[in-house]
Amino acid sequence: MSKKRILVVDDERSITRLLRLNLEQTGNYEVREENSGARVLKSARDFKPDLILLDVMMPDVDGGDVAAGLKQDPDLRKTPVVFLTAAVRKEELDASGGRIGGRSYIAKPIDVKGVIGVIEKTLAS
């Protein structure tokens, strides 16, 4: 089985590093980190991820704007995006099935097992 390619985008390097290390440790994922919203499109074009974990609030470019840009790119428009956010509490996401406005979200602080579950569920659909 080939490894799934995950692009992790967050302006906090500690979060992208933590996710990369934990996901790669499973042996199921190849992970690339990106810490600038402005560089996500280029990173995604180069890496060709199976899924993107995308922070909602970044200082340079809003995660929603990045997601819109991904949807406009013919090669990336079908790549699933799961948002990472500190703006919504875990309890709120649990009550909504992890989706808000039709989008998948993961609440911070991040639970790696929960992230893996969301990745697997998203890639299976």
C-alpha atoms as a PDB file:
ATOM      1  CA  MET A   1       0.000   0.000   0.000  1.00  0.00           C
ATOM      2  CA  SER A   2       1.379   3.401  -0.953  1.00  0.00           C
ATOM      3  CA  LYS A   3       1.596   6.142   1.624  1.00  0.00           C
ATOM      4  CA  LYS A   4      -1.019   8.881   1.529  1.00  0.00           C
ATOM      5  CA  ARG A   5       0.413  12.340   0.987  1.00  0.00           C
ATOM      6  CA  ILE A   6      -0.714  14.931   3.547  1.00  0.00           C
ATOM      7  CA  LEU A   7       0.070  18.649   3.352  1.00  0.00           C
ATOM      8  CA  VAL A   8      -0.106  20.232   6.819  1.00  0.00           C
ATOM      9  CA  VAL A   9      -0.555  24.010   6.799  1.00  0.00           C
ATOM     10  CA  ASP A  10      -0.313  26.101   9.962  1.00  0.00           C
ATOM     11  CA  ASP A  11       1.573  29.289  10.770  1.00  0.00           C
ATOM     12  CA  GLU A  12       2.785  27.660  14.000  1.00  0.00           C
ATOM     13  CA  ARG A  13       5.792  25.493  13.156  1.00  0.00           C
ATOM     14  CA  SER A  14       5.357  23.495  16.358  1.00  0.00           C
ATOM     15  CA  ILE A  15       1.932  22.294  15.172  1.00  0.00           C
ATOM     16  CA  THR A  16       3.058  21.311  11.674  1.00  0.00           C
ATOM     17  CA  ARG A  17       6.115  19.538  13.080  1.00  0.00           C
ATOM     18  CA  LEU A  18       4.071  17.661  15.703  1.00  0.00           C
ATOM     19  CA  LEU A  19       1.569  16.508  13.103  1.00  0.00           C
ATOM     20  CA  ARG A  20       4.267  15.543  10.589  1.00  0.00           C
ATOM     21  CA  LEU A  21       6.210  13.482  13.129  1.00  0.00           C
ATOM     22  CA  ASN A  22       3.138  11.719  14.490  1.00  0.00           C
ATOM     23  CA  LEU A  23       1.587  11.001  11.098  1.00  0.00           C
ATOM     24  CA  GLU A  24       4.850   9.742   9.591  1.00  0.00           C
ATOM     25  CA  GLN A  25       5.429   7.533  12.631  1.00  0.00           C
ATOM     26  CA  THR A  26       2.358   5.473  11.638  1.00  0.00           C
ATOM     27  CA  GLY A  27       4.095   4.476   8.413  1.00  0.00           C
ATOM     28  CA  ASN A  28       0.935   5.329   6.441  1.00  0.00           C
ATOM     29  CA  TYR A  29       1.654   8.933   5.484  1.00  0.00           C
ATOM     30  CA  GLU A  30       4.170  11.092   3.709  1.00  0.00           C
ATOM     31  CA  VAL A  31       3.831  14.594   5.138  1.00  0.00           C
ATOM     32  CA  ARG A  32       4.978  18.003   3.982  1.00  0.00           C
ATOM     33  CA  GLU A  33       4.773  21.094   6.192  1.00  0.00           C
ATOM     34  CA  GLU A  34       3.875  24.591   5.037  1.00  0.00           C
ATOM     35  CA  ASN A  35       3.890  27.559   7.411  1.00  0.00           C
ATOM     36  CA  SER A  36       2.801  30.312   5.027  1.00  0.00           C
ATOM     37  CA  GLY A  37      -0.702  30.607   3.627  1.00  0.00           C
ATOM     38  CA  ALA A  38       0.708  32.518   0.662  1.00  0.00           C
ATOM     39  CA  ARG A  39       2.821  29.495  -0.369  1.00  0.00           C
ATOM     40  CA  VAL A  40       0.152  26.793  -0.027  1.00  0.00           C
ATOM     41  CA  LEU A  41      -0.848  26.688  -3.693  1.00  0.00           C
ATOM     42  CA  LYS A  42       2.761  26.249  -4.854  1.00  0.00           C
ATOM     43  CA  SER A  43       3.467  23.638  -2.161  1.00  0.00           C
ATOM     44  CA  ALA A  44       0.300  21.740  -3.076  1.00  0.00           C
ATOM     45  CA  ARG A  45       1.099  21.832  -6.802  1.00  0.00           C
ATOM     46  CA  ASP A  46       4.622  20.520  -6.126  1.00  0.00           C
ATOM     47  CA  PHE A  47       3.651  17.872  -3.540  1.00  0.00           C
ATOM     48  CA  LYS A  48       0.290  16.736  -5.010  1.00  0.00           C
ATOM     49  CA  PRO A  49      -1.253  15.804  -1.639  1.00  0.00           C
ATOM     50  CA  ASP A  50      -4.120  13.373  -1.151  1.00  0.00           C
ATOM     51  CA  LEU A  51      -5.442  15.651   1.628  1.00  0.00           C
ATOM     52  CA  ILE A  52      -4.659  19.077   3.078  1.00  0.00           C
ATOM     53  CA  LEU A  53      -4.912  19.952   6.776  1.00  0.00           C
ATOM     54  CA  LEU A  54      -5.365  23.739   6.716  1.00  0.00           C
ATOM     55  CA  ASP A  55      -5.300  26.229   9.580  1.00  0.00           C
ATOM     56  CA  VAL A  56      -8.208  28.675   9.408  1.00  0.00           C
ATOM     57  CA  MET A  57      -6.524  31.698  10.996  1.00  0.00           C
ATOM     58  CA  MET A  58      -3.098  32.595   9.649  1.00  0.00           C
ATOM     59  CA  PRO A  59      -1.477  36.029   9.669  1.00  0.00           C
ATOM     60  CA  ASP A  60      -0.721  36.316   5.949  1.00  0.00           C
ATOM     61  CA  VAL A  61      -3.685  34.658   4.199  1.00  0.00           C
ATOM     62  CA  ASP A  62      -6.968  33.412   5.670  1.00  0.00           C
ATOM     63  CA  GLY A  63      -7.493  29.644   5.422  1.00  0.00           C
ATOM     64  CA  GLY A  64     -10.853  30.164   3.735  1.00  0.00           C
ATOM     65  CA  ASP A  65      -9.163  32.209   0.997  1.00  0.00           C
ATOM     66  CA  VAL A  66      -6.525  29.503   0.575  1.00  0.00           C
ATOM     67  CA  ALA A  67      -9.265  26.849   0.255  1.00  0.00           C
ATOM     68  CA  ALA A  68     -11.028  28.987  -2.360  1.00  0.00           C
ATOM     69  CA  GLY A  69      -7.765  29.251  -4.308  1.00  0.00           C
ATOM     70  CA  LEU A  70      -7.341  25.488  -4.175  1.00  0.00           C
ATOM     71  CA  LYS A  71     -10.869  25.033  -5.582  1.00  0.00           C
ATOM     72  CA  GLN A  72      -9.979  27.314  -8.511  1.00  0.00           C
ATOM     73  CA  ASP A  73      -6.934  25.227  -9.463  1.00  0.00           C
ATOM     74  CA  PRO A  74      -7.857  22.472 -11.956  1.00  0.00           C
ATOM     75  CA  ASP A  75      -5.248  20.077 -10.525  1.00  0.00           C
ATOM     76  CA  LEU A  76      -6.155  20.665  -6.861  1.00  0.00           C
ATOM     77  CA  ARG A  77      -9.907  21.296  -6.850  1.00  0.00           C
ATOM     78  CA  LYS A  78     -10.731  17.717  -5.861  1.00  0.00           C
ATOM     79  CA  THR A  79      -8.144  17.553  -3.073  1.00  0.00           C
ATOM     80  CA  PRO A  80     -10.001  17.279   0.251  1.00  0.00           C
ATOM     81  CA  VAL A  81      -9.347  20.065   2.747  1.00  0.00           C
ATOM     82  CA  VAL A  82      -9.840  19.619   6.501  1.00  0.00           C
ATOM     83  CA  PHE A  83      -9.653  22.819   8.509  1.00  0.00           C
ATOM     84  CA  LEU A  84      -7.719  23.161  11.773  1.00  0.00           C
ATOM     85  CA  THR A  85      -9.148  25.764  14.129  1.00  0.00           C
ATOM     86  CA  ALA A  86      -8.849  27.142  17.617  1.00  0.00           C
ATOM     87  CA  ALA A  87     -11.974  29.250  17.054  1.00  0.00           C
ATOM     88  CA  VAL A  88     -14.357  26.336  17.608  1.00  0.00           C
ATOM     89  CA  ARG A  89     -14.369  24.166  20.708  1.00  0.00           C
ATOM     90  CA  LYS A  90     -14.076  20.386  20.434  1.00  0.00           C
ATOM     91  CA  GLU A  91     -17.497  20.016  22.060  1.00  0.00           C
ATOM     92  CA  GLU A  92     -19.089  22.144  19.319  1.00  0.00           C
ATOM     93  CA  LEU A  93     -17.486  20.017  16.618  1.00  0.00           C
ATOM     94  CA  ASP A  94     -18.494  16.788  18.343  1.00  0.00           C
ATOM     95  CA  ALA A  95     -22.095  17.998  18.435  1.00  0.00           C
ATOM     96  CA  SER A  96     -21.994  18.821  14.709  1.00  0.00           C
ATOM     97  CA  GLY A  97     -20.262  15.603  13.636  1.00  0.00           C
ATOM     98  CA  GLY A  98     -16.998  17.451  12.954  1.00  0.00           C
ATOM     99  CA  ARG A  99     -18.506  19.493  10.140  1.00  0.00           C
ATOM    100  CA  ILE A 100     -19.505  23.130   9.945  1.00  0.00           C
ATOM    101  CA  GLY A 101     -21.013  24.555   6.783  1.00  0.00           C
ATOM    102  CA  GLY A 102     -20.361  21.270   4.991  1.00  0.00           C
ATOM    103  CA  ARG A 103     -16.621  21.397   5.767  1.00  0.00           C
ATOM    104  CA  SER A 104     -14.635  19.085   8.020  1.00  0.00           C
ATOM    105  CA  TYR A 105     -12.930  20.723  10.997  1.00  0.00           C
ATOM    106  CA  ILE A 106     -10.495  19.604  13.667  1.00  0.00           C
ATOM    107  CA  ALA A 107     -10.403  21.635  16.872  1.00  0.00           C
ATOM    108  CA  LYS A 108      -7.156  22.719  18.512  1.00  0.00           C
ATOM    109  CA  PRO A 109      -5.498  21.607  20.694  1.00  0.00           C
ATOM    110  CA  ILE A 110      -4.974  18.693  18.371  1.00  0.00           C
ATOM    111  CA  ASP A 111      -5.513  15.074  19.334  1.00  0.00           C
ATOM    112  CA  VAL A 112      -3.367  13.042  16.916  1.00  0.00           C
ATOM    113  CA  LYS A 113      -5.589   9.947  17.078  1.00  0.00           C
ATOM    114  CA  GLY A 114      -8.577  12.132  16.241  1.00  0.00           C
ATOM    115  CA  VAL A 115      -6.692  13.696  13.336  1.00  0.00           C
ATOM    116  CA  ILE A 116      -5.835  10.261  11.946  1.00  0.00           C
ATOM    117  CA  GLY A 117      -9.500   9.257  12.264  1.00  0.00           C
ATOM    118  CA  VAL A 118     -10.631  12.338  10.339  1.00  0.00           C
ATOM    119  CA  ILE A 119      -7.970  11.763   7.661  1.00  0.00           C
ATOM    120  CA  GLU A 120      -9.006   8.128   7.187  1.00  0.00           C
ATOM    121  CA  LYS A 121     -12.713   8.977   7.125  1.00  0.00           C
ATOM    122  CA  THR A 122     -12.193  11.802   4.630  1.00  0.00           C
ATOM    123  CA  LEU A 123      -9.990   9.763   2.294  1.00  0.00           C
ATOM    124  CA  ALA A 124     -12.438   6.850   2.381  1.00  0.00           C
ATOM    125  CA  SER A 125     -15.340   8.993   1.175  1.00  0.00           C
END
